[in-house]
């Protein structure tokens, strides 16, 4: 079995905006930016949920 990305280091990935979203490209410089952006998105979603 071959893995499509095995052995490749890619500075991009994808993110899902909702449960049925197939994903959109997401580029990042390093792990710190990836985590910072992730938690910023989590905070944004939590604020939206609290407004309901």
C-alpha atoms as a PDB file:
ATOM      1  CA  UNK A   1       0.000   0.000   0.000  1.00  0.00           C
ATOM      2  CA  UNK A   2       1.359   3.446  -0.913  1.00  0.00           C
ATOM      3  CA  UNK A   3       0.667   6.565   1.097  1.00  0.00           C
ATOM      4  CA  UNK A   4       0.154   9.723  -0.925  1.00  0.00           C
ATOM      5  CA  UNK A   5       2.225  11.986   1.364  1.00  0.00           C
ATOM      6  CA  UNK A   6       4.616   9.505   2.959  1.00  0.00           C
ATOM      7  CA  UNK A   7       8.096  10.965   3.340  1.00  0.00           C
ATOM      8  CA  UNK A   8       7.133  14.437   2.134  1.00  0.00           C
ATOM      9  CA  UNK A   9       7.339  17.513   4.321  1.00  0.00           C
ATOM     10  CA  UNK A  10       4.678  19.979   3.253  1.00  0.00           C
ATOM     11  CA  UNK A  11       4.220  23.471   4.660  1.00  0.00           C
ATOM     12  CA  UNK A  12       0.502  23.393   4.005  1.00  0.00           C
ATOM     13  CA  UNK A  13      -2.494  21.379   4.988  1.00  0.00           C
ATOM     14  CA  UNK A  14      -6.224  21.965   5.017  1.00  0.00           C
ATOM     15  CA  UNK A  15      -8.914  22.973   7.470  1.00  0.00           C
ATOM     16  CA  UNK A  16     -12.608  22.301   7.765  1.00  0.00           C
ATOM     17  CA  UNK A  17     -14.997  25.175   8.466  1.00  0.00           C
ATOM     18  CA  UNK A  18     -17.939  22.938   9.372  1.00  0.00           C
ATOM     19  CA  UNK A  19     -18.771  19.245   9.648  1.00  0.00           C
ATOM     20  CA  UNK A  20     -19.764  18.768   5.990  1.00  0.00           C
ATOM     21  CA  UNK A  21     -16.899  20.886   4.595  1.00  0.00           C
ATOM     22  CA  UNK A  22     -14.429  18.833   2.500  1.00  0.00           C
ATOM     23  CA  UNK A  23     -11.648  21.211   3.573  1.00  0.00           C
ATOM     24  CA  UNK A  24      -9.880  24.267   2.199  1.00  0.00           C
ATOM     25  CA  UNK A  25      -6.119  24.724   1.745  1.00  0.00           C
ATOM     26  CA  UNK A  26      -4.264  26.196   4.709  1.00  0.00           C
ATOM     27  CA  UNK A  27      -0.624  27.324   4.550  1.00  0.00           C
ATOM     28  CA  UNK A  28       1.580  27.875   7.586  1.00  0.00           C
ATOM     29  CA  UNK A  29       5.219  28.656   8.359  1.00  0.00           C
ATOM     30  CA  UNK A  30       5.764  26.483  11.406  1.00  0.00           C
ATOM     31  CA  UNK A  31       4.090  24.532  14.210  1.00  0.00           C
ATOM     32  CA  UNK A  32       3.731  27.653  16.352  1.00  0.00           C
ATOM     33  CA  UNK A  33       1.694  29.438  13.680  1.00  0.00           C
ATOM     34  CA  UNK A  34      -0.403  26.303  13.116  1.00  0.00           C
ATOM     35  CA  UNK A  35      -1.309  26.091  16.817  1.00  0.00           C
ATOM     36  CA  UNK A  36      -1.853  29.844  17.166  1.00  0.00           C
ATOM     37  CA  UNK A  37      -4.227  29.883  14.189  1.00  0.00           C
ATOM     38  CA  UNK A  38      -6.024  26.764  15.421  1.00  0.00           C
ATOM     39  CA  UNK A  39      -6.729  28.198  18.876  1.00  0.00           C
ATOM     40  CA  UNK A  40      -7.746  31.556  17.383  1.00  0.00           C
ATOM     41  CA  UNK A  41     -10.328  29.679  15.279  1.00  0.00           C
ATOM     42  CA  UNK A  42     -11.485  27.757  18.378  1.00  0.00           C
ATOM     43  CA  UNK A  43     -11.939  31.041  20.280  1.00  0.00           C
ATOM     44  CA  UNK A  44     -13.855  32.553  17.342  1.00  0.00           C
ATOM     45  CA  UNK A  45     -16.226  29.575  17.135  1.00  0.00           C
ATOM     46  CA  UNK A  46     -16.791  29.561  20.906  1.00  0.00           C
ATOM     47  CA  UNK A  47     -17.668  33.275  20.807  1.00  0.00           C
ATOM     48  CA  UNK A  48     -20.147  32.636  17.986  1.00  0.00           C
ATOM     49  CA  UNK A  49     -21.775  29.803  19.944  1.00  0.00           C
ATOM     50  CA  UNK A  50     -22.051  31.947  23.083  1.00  0.00           C
ATOM     51  CA  UNK A  51     -23.892  34.674  21.124  1.00  0.00           C
ATOM     52  CA  UNK A  52     -26.673  32.248  20.194  1.00  0.00           C
END
